[in-house]
Amino acid sequence: MKPDRVLSMLGLAAKAGKVTSGEFSTEKAVRAHSAYLVIVAADASENTQKRFADMAEYHEIPMYRYGEKEALGRAIGKQFRASLAVTDQGLAHSIEDKLKQMLTTE
């Protein structure tokens, strides 16, 4: 299995201090207009997925359902994470490009 480029890039963004994670921090970043990309774990609860989908749509921020809580957390050096926000525009665009590539090749 080839390495997951999205998770690798999330790790780089986290090391650069450009990722907020956890539901409270992600929501805070979205509401403060500092989030450029929101990722919600595919195994997050339906309520969590819907809440962030609605919030991201309202604030016009791209949101993707990707990975599992454990993988997202591990990628950014934390424990389980159901949601995270990328707070750097350039990194967010790069990660979104990778997400689009991966989702179109599946």
PDB file of N, CA and C in Angstrom:
ATOM      1  N   MET A   1       0.839  -1.188   0.000  1.00  0.00           N
ATOM      2  CA  MET A   1       0.000   0.000   0.000  1.00  0.00           C
ATOM      3  C   MET A   1       0.885   1.253   0.000  1.00  0.00           C
ATOM      4  N   LYS A   2       0.572   2.176  -0.900  1.00  0.00           N
ATOM      5  CA  LYS A   2       1.395   3.388  -0.970  1.00  0.00           C
ATOM      6  C   LYS A   2       1.089   4.330   0.184  1.00  0.00           C
ATOM      7  N   PRO A   3       2.061   5.156   0.551  1.00  0.00           N
ATOM      8  CA  PRO A   3       1.843   6.069   1.678  1.00  0.00           C
ATOM      9  C   PRO A   3       0.711   7.051   1.374  1.00  0.00           C
ATOM     10  N   ASP A   4       0.009   7.433   2.395  1.00  0.00           N
ATOM     11  CA  ASP A   4      -1.124   8.343   2.253  1.00  0.00           C
ATOM     12  C   ASP A   4      -0.612   9.783   2.237  1.00  0.00           C
ATOM     13  N   ARG A   5      -0.647  10.389   1.074  1.00  0.00           N
ATOM     14  CA  ARG A   5      -0.118  11.752   0.907  1.00  0.00           C
ATOM     15  C   ARG A   5      -0.915  12.784   1.714  1.00  0.00           C
ATOM     16  N   VAL A   6      -2.223  12.575   1.826  1.00  0.00           N
ATOM     17  CA  VAL A   6      -3.050  13.520   2.573  1.00  0.00           C
ATOM     18  C   VAL A   6      -2.637  13.525   4.042  1.00  0.00           C
ATOM     19  N   LEU A   7      -2.519  12.322   4.620  1.00  0.00           N
ATOM     20  CA  LEU A   7      -2.130  12.243   6.030  1.00  0.00           C
ATOM     21  C   LEU A   7      -0.710  12.766   6.245  1.00  0.00           C
ATOM     22  N   SER A   8       0.186  12.514   5.286  1.00  0.00           N
ATOM     23  CA  SER A   8       1.557  13.042   5.384  1.00  0.00           C
ATOM     24  C   SER A   8       1.552  14.569   5.396  1.00  0.00           C
ATOM     25  N   MET A   9       0.753  15.158   4.514  1.00  0.00           N
ATOM     26  CA  MET A   9       0.688  16.619   4.451  1.00  0.00           C
ATOM     27  C   MET A   9       0.023  17.205   5.702  1.00  0.00           C
ATOM     28  N   LEU A  10      -0.957  16.479   6.250  1.00  0.00           N
ATOM     29  CA  LEU A  10      -1.558  16.944   7.507  1.00  0.00           C
ATOM     30  C   LEU A  10      -0.520  16.939   8.622  1.00  0.00           C
ATOM     31  N   GLY A  11       0.354  15.934   8.619  1.00  0.00           N
ATOM     32  CA  GLY A  11       1.435  15.872   9.605  1.00  0.00           C
ATOM     33  C   GLY A  11       2.365  17.061   9.483  1.00  0.00           C
ATOM     34  N   LEU A  12       2.723  17.415   8.239  1.00  0.00           N
ATOM     35  CA  LEU A  12       3.585  18.586   8.014  1.00  0.00           C
ATOM     36  C   LEU A  12       2.889  19.870   8.486  1.00  0.00           C
ATOM     37  N   ALA A  13       1.615  19.993   8.169  1.00  0.00           N
ATOM     38  CA  ALA A  13       0.864  21.179   8.581  1.00  0.00           C
ATOM     39  C   ALA A  13       0.797  21.267  10.107  1.00  0.00           C
ATOM     40  N   ALA A  14       0.632  20.109  10.764  1.00  0.00           N
ATOM     41  CA  ALA A  14       0.570  20.093  12.235  1.00  0.00           C
ATOM     42  C   ALA A  14       1.911  20.504  12.835  1.00  0.00           C
ATOM     43  N   LYS A  15       3.015  20.014  12.247  1.00  0.00           N
ATOM     44  CA  LYS A  15       4.344  20.394  12.740  1.00  0.00           C
ATOM     45  C   LYS A  15       4.581  21.888  12.580  1.00  0.00           C
ATOM     46  N   ALA A  16       3.980  22.461  11.546  1.00  0.00           N
ATOM     47  CA  ALA A  16       4.118  23.902  11.314  1.00  0.00           C
ATOM     48  C   ALA A  16       3.154  24.707  12.193  1.00  0.00           C
ATOM     49  N   GLY A  17       2.339  24.022  12.972  1.00  0.00           N
ATOM     50  CA  GLY A  17       1.394  24.713  13.841  1.00  0.00           C
ATOM     51  C   GLY A  17       0.190  25.260  13.103  1.00  0.00           C
ATOM     52  N   LYS A  18      -0.143  24.654  11.970  1.00  0.00           N
ATOM     53  CA  LYS A  18      -1.227  25.169  11.134  1.00  0.00           C
ATOM     54  C   LYS A  18      -2.457  24.264  11.119  1.00  0.00           C
ATOM     55  N   VAL A  19      -2.610  23.454  12.168  1.00  0.00           N
ATOM     56  CA  VAL A  19      -3.771  22.574  12.273  1.00  0.00           C
ATOM     57  C   VAL A  19      -4.386  22.733  13.660  1.00  0.00           C
ATOM     58  N   THR A  20      -5.699  22.907  13.701  1.00  0.00           N
ATOM     59  CA  THR A  20      -6.409  22.828  14.969  1.00  0.00           C
ATOM     60  C   THR A  20      -7.252  21.571  14.897  1.00  0.00           C
ATOM     61  N   SER A  21      -7.359  20.862  16.011  1.00  0.00           N
ATOM     62  CA  SER A  21      -8.089  19.601  15.968  1.00  0.00           C
ATOM     63  C   SER A  21      -8.995  19.453  17.173  1.00  0.00           C
ATOM     64  N   GLY A  22      -9.929  18.533  17.043  1.00  0.00           N
ATOM     65  CA  GLY A  22     -10.945  18.363  18.061  1.00  0.00           C
ATOM     66  C   GLY A  22     -12.140  19.219  17.696  1.00  0.00           C
ATOM     67  N   GLU A  23     -13.311  18.774  18.095  1.00  0.00           N
ATOM     68  CA  GLU A  23     -14.533  19.447  17.655  1.00  0.00           C
ATOM     69  C   GLU A  23     -14.602  20.902  18.100  1.00  0.00           C
ATOM     70  N   PHE A  24     -14.262  21.186  19.345  1.00  0.00           N
ATOM     71  CA  PHE A  24     -14.349  22.563  19.850  1.00  0.00           C
ATOM     72  C   PHE A  24     -13.393  23.483  19.093  1.00  0.00           C
ATOM     73  N   SER A  25     -12.126  23.074  18.963  1.00  0.00           N
ATOM     74  CA  SER A  25     -11.119  23.915  18.304  1.00  0.00           C
ATOM     75  C   SER A  25     -11.401  24.080  16.815  1.00  0.00           C
ATOM     76  N   THR A  26     -11.887  23.022  16.183  1.00  0.00           N
ATOM     77  CA  THR A  26     -12.221  23.109  14.756  1.00  0.00           C
ATOM     78  C   THR A  26     -13.365  24.100  14.553  1.00  0.00           C
ATOM     79  N   GLU A  27     -14.392  23.970  15.375  1.00  0.00           N
ATOM     80  CA  GLU A  27     -15.543  24.881  15.280  1.00  0.00           C
ATOM     81  C   GLU A  27     -15.116  26.326  15.525  1.00  0.00           C
ATOM     82  N   LYS A  28     -14.249  26.528  16.511  1.00  0.00           N
ATOM     83  CA  LYS A  28     -13.753  27.871  16.829  1.00  0.00           C
ATOM     84  C   LYS A  28     -12.996  28.467  15.627  1.00  0.00           C
ATOM     85  N   ALA A  29     -12.147  27.657  14.973  1.00  0.00           N
ATOM     86  CA  ALA A  29     -11.384  28.134  13.811  1.00  0.00           C
ATOM     87  C   ALA A  29     -12.314  28.500  12.655  1.00  0.00           C
ATOM     88  N   VAL A  30     -13.342  27.690  12.445  1.00  0.00           N
ATOM     89  CA  VAL A  30     -14.297  27.971  11.362  1.00  0.00           C
ATOM     90  C   VAL A  30     -15.029  29.285  11.638  1.00  0.00           C
ATOM     91  N   ARG A  31     -15.524  29.421  12.857  1.00  0.00           N
ATOM     92  CA  ARG A  31     -16.279  30.637  13.210  1.00  0.00           C
ATOM     93  C   ARG A  31     -15.403  31.897  13.194  1.00  0.00           C
ATOM     94  N   ALA A  32     -14.108  31.728  13.480  1.00  0.00           N
ATOM     95  CA  ALA A  32     -13.180  32.870  13.482  1.00  0.00           C
ATOM     96  C   ALA A  32     -12.639  33.167  12.083  1.00  0.00           C
ATOM     97  N   HIS A  33     -13.090  32.416  11.096  1.00  0.00           N
ATOM     98  CA  HIS A  33     -12.633  32.569   9.706  1.00  0.00           C
ATOM     99  C   HIS A  33     -11.136  32.333   9.546  1.00  0.00           C
ATOM    100  N   SER A  34     -10.555  31.490  10.414  1.00  0.00           N
ATOM    101  CA  SER A  34      -9.134  31.173  10.276  1.00  0.00           C
ATOM    102  C   SER A  34      -8.923  29.793   9.670  1.00  0.00           C
ATOM    103  N   ALA A  35     -10.004  29.057   9.408  1.00  0.00           N
ATOM    104  CA  ALA A  35      -9.906  27.725   8.792  1.00  0.00           C
ATOM    105  C   ALA A  35     -10.064  27.856   7.282  1.00  0.00           C
ATOM    106  N   TYR A  36      -9.193  27.168   6.545  1.00  0.00           N
ATOM    107  CA  TYR A  36      -9.279  27.169   5.085  1.00  0.00           C
ATOM    108  C   TYR A  36      -9.706  25.806   4.549  1.00  0.00           C
ATOM    109  N   LEU A  37      -9.693  24.796   5.413  1.00  0.00           N
ATOM    110  CA  LEU A  37     -10.090  23.448   5.027  1.00  0.00           C
ATOM    111  C   LEU A  37     -10.497  22.701   6.291  1.00  0.00           C
ATOM    112  N   VAL A  38     -11.611  21.996   6.217  1.00  0.00           N
ATOM    113  CA  VAL A  38     -12.070  21.182   7.342  1.00  0.00           C
ATOM    114  C   VAL A  38     -12.104  19.729   6.892  1.00  0.00           C
ATOM    115  N   ILE A  39     -11.567  18.846   7.734  1.00  0.00           N
ATOM    116  CA  ILE A  39     -11.614  17.410   7.458  1.00  0.00           C
ATOM    117  C   ILE A  39     -12.295  16.737   8.645  1.00  0.00           C
ATOM    118  N   VAL A  40     -13.301  15.935   8.328  1.00  0.00           N
ATOM    119  CA  VAL A  40     -14.030  15.190   9.352  1.00  0.00           C
ATOM    120  C   VAL A  40     -13.812  13.707   9.072  1.00  0.00           C
ATOM    121  N   ALA A  41     -13.495  12.956  10.101  1.00  0.00           N
ATOM    122  CA  ALA A  41     -13.264  11.521   9.942  1.00  0.00           C
ATOM    123  C   ALA A  41     -14.518  10.840   9.406  1.00  0.00           C
ATOM    124  N   ALA A  42     -14.315   9.904   8.497  1.00  0.00           N
ATOM    125  CA  ALA A  42     -15.434   9.169   7.910  1.00  0.00           C
ATOM    126  C   ALA A  42     -16.179   8.355   8.965  1.00  0.00           C
ATOM    127  N   ASP A  43     -15.493   7.995  10.050  1.00  0.00           N
ATOM    128  CA  ASP A  43     -16.152   7.220  11.107  1.00  0.00           C
ATOM    129  C   ASP A  43     -16.639   8.097  12.268  1.00  0.00           C
ATOM    130  N   ALA A  44     -16.679   9.411  12.052  1.00  0.00           N
ATOM    131  CA  ALA A  44     -17.253  10.306  13.065  1.00  0.00           C
ATOM    132  C   ALA A  44     -18.770  10.097  13.073  1.00  0.00           C
ATOM    133  N   SER A  45     -19.405  10.484  14.155  1.00  0.00           N
ATOM    134  CA  SER A  45     -20.857  10.296  14.238  1.00  0.00           C
ATOM    135  C   SER A  45     -21.565  11.099  13.153  1.00  0.00           C
ATOM    136  N   GLU A  46     -22.770  10.639  12.793  1.00  0.00           N
ATOM    137  CA  GLU A  46     -23.548  11.351  11.769  1.00  0.00           C
ATOM    138  C   GLU A  46     -23.823  12.782  12.203  1.00  0.00           C
ATOM    139  N   ASN A  47     -24.072  12.972  13.488  1.00  0.00           N
ATOM    140  CA  ASN A  47     -24.341  14.302  14.024  1.00  0.00           C
ATOM    141  C   ASN A  47     -23.135  15.219  13.823  1.00  0.00           C
ATOM    142  N   THR A  48     -21.940  14.709  14.120  1.00  0.00           N
ATOM    143  CA  THR A  48     -20.711  15.492  13.948  1.00  0.00           C
ATOM    144  C   THR A  48     -20.505  15.819  12.469  1.00  0.00           C
ATOM    145  N   GLN A  49     -20.667  14.828  11.601  1.00  0.00           N
ATOM    146  CA  GLN A  49     -20.475  15.060  10.169  1.00  0.00           C
ATOM    147  C   GLN A  49     -21.448  16.107   9.644  1.00  0.00           C
ATOM    148  N   LYS A  50     -22.720  16.003  10.044  1.00  0.00           N
ATOM    149  CA  LYS A  50     -23.717  16.958   9.567  1.00  0.00           C
ATOM    150  C   LYS A  50     -23.437  18.349  10.106  1.00  0.00           C
ATOM    151  N   ARG A  51     -23.081  18.447  11.388  1.00  0.00           N
ATOM    152  CA  ARG A  51     -22.812  19.757  11.987  1.00  0.00           C
ATOM    153  C   ARG A  51     -21.689  20.482  11.254  1.00  0.00           C
ATOM    154  N   PHE A  52     -20.589  19.752  10.985  1.00  0.00           N
ATOM    155  CA  PHE A  52     -19.474  20.404  10.297  1.00  0.00           C
ATOM    156  C   PHE A  52     -19.775  20.662   8.826  1.00  0.00           C
ATOM    157  N   ALA A  53     -20.545  19.793   8.192  1.00  0.00           N
ATOM    158  CA  ALA A  53     -20.930  20.025   6.792  1.00  0.00           C
ATOM    159  C   ALA A  53     -21.756  21.306   6.690  1.00  0.00           C
ATOM    160  N   ASP A  54     -22.729  21.452   7.591  1.00  0.00           N
ATOM    161  CA  ASP A  54     -23.568  22.654   7.585  1.00  0.00           C
ATOM    162  C   ASP A  54     -22.744  23.905   7.888  1.00  0.00           C
ATOM    163  N   MET A  55     -21.863  23.805   8.875  1.00  0.00           N
ATOM    164  CA  MET A  55     -21.035  24.941   9.273  1.00  0.00           C
ATOM    165  C   MET A  55     -20.079  25.346   8.138  1.00  0.00           C
ATOM    166  N   ALA A  56     -19.448  24.363   7.518  1.00  0.00           N
ATOM    167  CA  ALA A  56     -18.502  24.644   6.436  1.00  0.00           C
ATOM    168  C   ALA A  56     -19.221  25.267   5.241  1.00  0.00           C
ATOM    169  N   GLU A  57     -20.414  24.753   4.948  1.00  0.00           N
ATOM    170  CA  GLU A  57     -21.181  25.319   3.830  1.00  0.00           C
ATOM    171  C   GLU A  57     -21.562  26.765   4.125  1.00  0.00           C
ATOM    172  N   TYR A  58     -22.026  27.030   5.332  1.00  0.00           N
ATOM    173  CA  TYR A  58     -22.422  28.373   5.714  1.00  0.00           C
ATOM    174  C   TYR A  58     -21.246  29.352   5.619  1.00  0.00           C
ATOM    175  N   HIS A  59     -20.072  28.925   6.068  1.00  0.00           N
ATOM    176  CA  HIS A  59     -18.889  29.798   6.073  1.00  0.00           C
ATOM    177  C   HIS A  59     -18.079  29.687   4.774  1.00  0.00           C
ATOM    178  N   GLU A  60     -18.583  28.886   3.826  1.00  0.00           N
ATOM    179  CA  GLU A  60     -17.947  28.706   2.513  1.00  0.00           C
ATOM    180  C   GLU A  60     -16.507  28.207   2.628  1.00  0.00           C
ATOM    181  N   ILE A  61     -16.339  27.161   3.425  1.00  0.00           N
ATOM    182  CA  ILE A  61     -15.038  26.521   3.618  1.00  0.00           C
ATOM    183  C   ILE A  61     -15.154  25.098   3.085  1.00  0.00           C
ATOM    184  N   PRO A  62     -14.187  24.639   2.278  1.00  0.00           N
ATOM    185  CA  PRO A  62     -14.274  23.260   1.807  1.00  0.00           C
ATOM    186  C   PRO A  62     -14.176  22.271   2.964  1.00  0.00           C
ATOM    187  N   MET A  63     -15.034  21.238   2.912  1.00  0.00           N
ATOM    188  CA  MET A  63     -15.013  20.199   3.936  1.00  0.00           C
ATOM    189  C   MET A  63     -15.009  18.840   3.268  1.00  0.00           C
ATOM    190  N   TYR A  64     -14.184  17.950   3.800  1.00  0.00           N
ATOM    191  CA  TYR A  64     -14.102  16.593   3.272  1.00  0.00           C
ATOM    192  C   TYR A  64     -14.268  15.594   4.396  1.00  0.00           C
ATOM    193  N   ARG A  65     -14.912  14.483   4.070  1.00  0.00           N
ATOM    194  CA  ARG A  65     -14.937  13.328   4.976  1.00  0.00           C
ATOM    195  C   ARG A  65     -13.792  12.442   4.523  1.00  0.00           C
ATOM    196  N   TYR A  66     -12.856  12.206   5.428  1.00  0.00           N
ATOM    197  CA  TYR A  66     -11.661  11.461   5.013  1.00  0.00           C
ATOM    198  C   TYR A  66     -11.040  10.726   6.187  1.00  0.00           C
ATOM    199  N   GLY A  67     -10.580   9.529   5.944  1.00  0.00           N
ATOM    200  CA  GLY A  67      -9.837   8.776   6.945  1.00  0.00           C
ATOM    201  C   GLY A  67     -10.691   8.373   8.136  1.00  0.00           C
ATOM    202  N   GLU A  68     -10.036   7.806   9.102  1.00  0.00           N
ATOM    203  CA  GLU A  68     -10.698   7.408  10.333  1.00  0.00           C
ATOM    204  C   GLU A  68     -10.118   8.219  11.482  1.00  0.00           C
ATOM    205  N   LYS A  69     -10.859   8.290  12.568  1.00  0.00           N
ATOM    206  CA  LYS A  69     -10.444   9.117  13.707  1.00  0.00           C
ATOM    207  C   LYS A  69      -9.025   8.781  14.176  1.00  0.00           C
ATOM    208  N   GLU A  70      -8.721   7.494  14.254  1.00  0.00           N
ATOM    209  CA  GLU A  70      -7.398   7.091  14.730  1.00  0.00           C
ATOM    210  C   GLU A  70      -6.301   7.552  13.771  1.00  0.00           C
ATOM    211  N   ALA A  71      -6.528   7.385  12.451  1.00  0.00           N
ATOM    212  CA  ALA A  71      -5.524   7.775  11.453  1.00  0.00           C
ATOM    213  C   ALA A  71      -5.318   9.291  11.430  1.00  0.00           C
ATOM    214  N   LEU A  72      -6.402  10.045  11.524  1.00  0.00           N
ATOM    215  CA  LEU A  72      -6.275  11.513  11.550  1.00  0.00           C
ATOM    216  C   LEU A  72      -5.488  11.961  12.771  1.00  0.00           C
ATOM    217  N   GLY A  73      -5.811  11.389  13.918  1.00  0.00           N
ATOM    218  CA  GLY A  73      -5.094  11.745  15.139  1.00  0.00           C
ATOM    219  C   GLY A  73      -3.618  11.400  15.045  1.00  0.00           C
ATOM    220  N   ARG A  74      -3.320  10.187  14.562  1.00  0.00           N
ATOM    221  CA  ARG A  74      -1.927   9.739  14.448  1.00  0.00           C
ATOM    222  C   ARG A  74      -1.155  10.648  13.483  1.00  0.00           C
ATOM    223  N   ALA A  75      -1.796  11.073  12.406  1.00  0.00           N
ATOM    224  CA  ALA A  75      -1.124  11.915  11.410  1.00  0.00           C
ATOM    225  C   ALA A  75      -0.645  13.236  11.994  1.00  0.00           C
ATOM    226  N   ILE A  76      -1.403  13.750  12.973  1.00  0.00           N
ATOM    227  CA  ILE A  76      -1.029  15.047  13.551  1.00  0.00           C
ATOM    228  C   ILE A  76      -0.409  14.901  14.937  1.00  0.00           C
ATOM    229  N   GLY A  77      -0.056  13.680  15.300  1.00  0.00           N
ATOM    230  CA  GLY A  77       0.642  13.457  16.566  1.00  0.00           C
ATOM    231  C   GLY A  77      -0.245  13.521  17.792  1.00  0.00           C
ATOM    232  N   LYS A  78      -1.519  13.207  17.620  1.00  0.00           N
ATOM    233  CA  LYS A  78      -2.459  13.231  18.747  1.00  0.00           C
ATOM    234  C   LYS A  78      -3.190  11.890  18.808  1.00  0.00           C
ATOM    235  N   GLN A  79      -4.154  11.818  19.741  1.00  0.00           N
ATOM    236  CA  GLN A  79      -4.987  10.628  19.790  1.00  0.00           C
ATOM    237  C   GLN A  79      -6.135  10.797  18.802  1.00  0.00           C
ATOM    238  N   PHE A  80      -7.189  10.042  18.972  1.00  0.00           N
ATOM    239  CA  PHE A  80      -8.332  10.098  18.059  1.00  0.00           C
ATOM    240  C   PHE A  80      -8.776  11.534  17.810  1.00  0.00           C
ATOM    241  N   ARG A  81      -9.031  11.859  16.556  1.00  0.00           N
ATOM    242  CA  ARG A  81      -9.557  13.173  16.202  1.00  0.00           C
ATOM    243  C   ARG A  81     -10.670  12.994  15.183  1.00  0.00           C
ATOM    244  N   ALA A  82     -11.881  13.452  15.525  1.00  0.00           N
ATOM    245  CA  ALA A  82     -13.017  13.334  14.609  1.00  0.00           C
ATOM    246  C   ALA A  82     -13.012  14.471  13.592  1.00  0.00           C
ATOM    247  N   SER A  83     -12.374  15.586  13.960  1.00  0.00           N
ATOM    248  CA  SER A  83     -12.365  16.732  13.039  1.00  0.00           C
ATOM    249  C   SER A  83     -11.097  17.541  13.219  1.00  0.00           C
ATOM    250  N   LEU A  84     -10.716  18.207  12.140  1.00  0.00           N
ATOM    251  CA  LEU A  84      -9.588  19.121  12.211  1.00  0.00           C
ATOM    252  C   LEU A  84      -9.736  20.194  11.151  1.00  0.00           C
ATOM    253  N   ALA A  85      -9.054  21.310  11.373  1.00  0.00           N
ATOM    254  CA  ALA A  85      -9.081  22.423  10.437  1.00  0.00           C
ATOM    255  C   ALA A  85      -7.649  22.820  10.110  1.00  0.00           C
ATOM    256  N   VAL A  86      -7.406  23.097   8.832  1.00  0.00           N
ATOM    257  CA  VAL A  86      -6.101  23.589   8.392  1.00  0.00           C
ATOM    258  C   VAL A  86      -6.205  25.104   8.334  1.00  0.00           C
ATOM    259  N   THR A  87      -5.282  25.791   9.020  1.00  0.00           N
ATOM    260  CA  THR A  87      -5.389  27.245   9.175  1.00  0.00           C
ATOM    261  C   THR A  87      -4.388  28.021   8.319  1.00  0.00           C
ATOM    262  N   ASP A  88      -3.762  27.350   7.367  1.00  0.00           N
ATOM    263  CA  ASP A  88      -2.853  28.027   6.431  1.00  0.00           C
ATOM    264  C   ASP A  88      -3.418  27.837   5.025  1.00  0.00           C
ATOM    265  N   GLN A  89      -3.597  28.923   4.296  1.00  0.00           N
ATOM    266  CA  GLN A  89      -4.257  28.856   3.002  1.00  0.00           C
ATOM    267  C   GLN A  89      -3.490  27.992   1.996  1.00  0.00           C
ATOM    268  N   GLY A  90      -2.174  28.171   1.914  1.00  0.00           N
ATOM    269  CA  GLY A  90      -1.371  27.402   0.964  1.00  0.00           C
ATOM    270  C   GLY A  90      -1.398  25.910   1.266  1.00  0.00           C
ATOM    271  N   LEU A  91      -1.199  25.558   2.519  1.00  0.00           N
ATOM    272  CA  LEU A  91      -1.247  24.147   2.916  1.00  0.00           C
ATOM    273  C   LEU A  91      -2.640  23.567   2.675  1.00  0.00           C
ATOM    274  N   ALA A  92      -3.669  24.345   2.978  1.00  0.00           N
ATOM    275  CA  ALA A  92      -5.044  23.873   2.782  1.00  0.00           C
ATOM    276  C   ALA A  92      -5.290  23.559   1.309  1.00  0.00           C
ATOM    277  N   HIS A  93      -4.821  24.433   0.410  1.00  0.00           N
ATOM    278  CA  HIS A  93      -5.016  24.191  -1.024  1.00  0.00           C
ATOM    279  C   HIS A  93      -4.260  22.944  -1.475  1.00  0.00           C
ATOM    280  N   SER A  94      -3.039  22.771  -0.982  1.00  0.00           N
ATOM    281  CA  SER A  94      -2.242  21.595  -1.348  1.00  0.00           C
ATOM    282  C   SER A  94      -2.917  20.307  -0.874  1.00  0.00           C
ATOM    283  N   ILE A  95      -3.397  20.314   0.353  1.00  0.00           N
ATOM    284  CA  ILE A  95      -4.057  19.133   0.906  1.00  0.00           C
ATOM    285  C   ILE A  95      -5.361  18.865   0.151  1.00  0.00           C
ATOM    286  N   GLU A  96      -6.090  19.922  -0.161  1.00  0.00           N
ATOM    287  CA  GLU A  96      -7.341  19.748  -0.909  1.00  0.00           C
ATOM    288  C   GLU A  96      -7.075  19.160  -2.294  1.00  0.00           C
ATOM    289  N   ASP A  97      -5.993  19.597  -2.945  1.00  0.00           N
ATOM    290  CA  ASP A  97      -5.628  19.023  -4.244  1.00  0.00           C
ATOM    291  C   ASP A  97      -5.379  17.527  -4.131  1.00  0.00           C
ATOM    292  N   LYS A  98      -4.642  17.116  -3.088  1.00  0.00           N
ATOM    293  CA  LYS A  98      -4.371  15.690  -2.863  1.00  0.00           C
ATOM    294  C   LYS A  98      -5.662  14.920  -2.593  1.00  0.00           C
ATOM    295  N   LEU A  99      -6.553  15.531  -1.798  1.00  0.00           N
ATOM    296  CA  LEU A  99      -7.843  14.888  -1.507  1.00  0.00           C
ATOM    297  C   LEU A  99      -8.628  14.662  -2.802  1.00  0.00           C
ATOM    298  N   LYS A 100      -8.675  15.690  -3.642  1.00  0.00           N
ATOM    299  CA  LYS A 100      -9.400  15.566  -4.909  1.00  0.00           C
ATOM    300  C   LYS A 100      -8.798  14.475  -5.783  1.00  0.00           C
ATOM    301  N   GLN A 101      -7.460  14.427  -5.843  1.00  0.00           N
ATOM    302  CA  GLN A 101      -6.783  13.375  -6.634  1.00  0.00           C
ATOM    303  C   GLN A 101      -7.147  11.997  -6.114  1.00  0.00           C
ATOM    304  N   MET A 102      -7.074  11.813  -4.797  1.00  0.00           N
ATOM    305  CA  MET A 102      -7.344  10.504  -4.205  1.00  0.00           C
ATOM    306  C   MET A 102      -8.802  10.108  -4.382  1.00  0.00           C
ATOM    307  N   LEU A 103      -9.706  11.053  -4.248  1.00  0.00           N
ATOM    308  CA  LEU A 103     -11.122  10.737  -4.342  1.00  0.00           C
ATOM    309  C   LEU A 103     -11.556  10.449  -5.782  1.00  0.00           C
ATOM    310  N   THR A 104     -10.835  10.997  -6.764  1.00  0.00           N
ATOM    311  CA  THR A 104     -11.191  10.717  -8.156  1.00  0.00           C
ATOM    312  C   THR A 104     -10.558   9.415  -8.654  1.00  0.00           C
ATOM    313  N   THR A 105      -9.517   8.927  -7.971  1.00  0.00           N
ATOM    314  CA  THR A 105      -8.888   7.683  -8.410  1.00  0.00           C
ATOM    315  C   THR A 105      -9.451   6.458  -7.715  1.00  0.00           C
ATOM    316  N   GLU A 106     -10.323   6.668  -6.730  1.00  0.00           N
ATOM    317  CA  GLU A 106     -10.881   5.518  -6.007  1.00  0.00           C
ATOM    318  C   GLU A 106     -11.953   4.839  -6.831  1.00  0.00           C
TER     319      GLU A 106
END
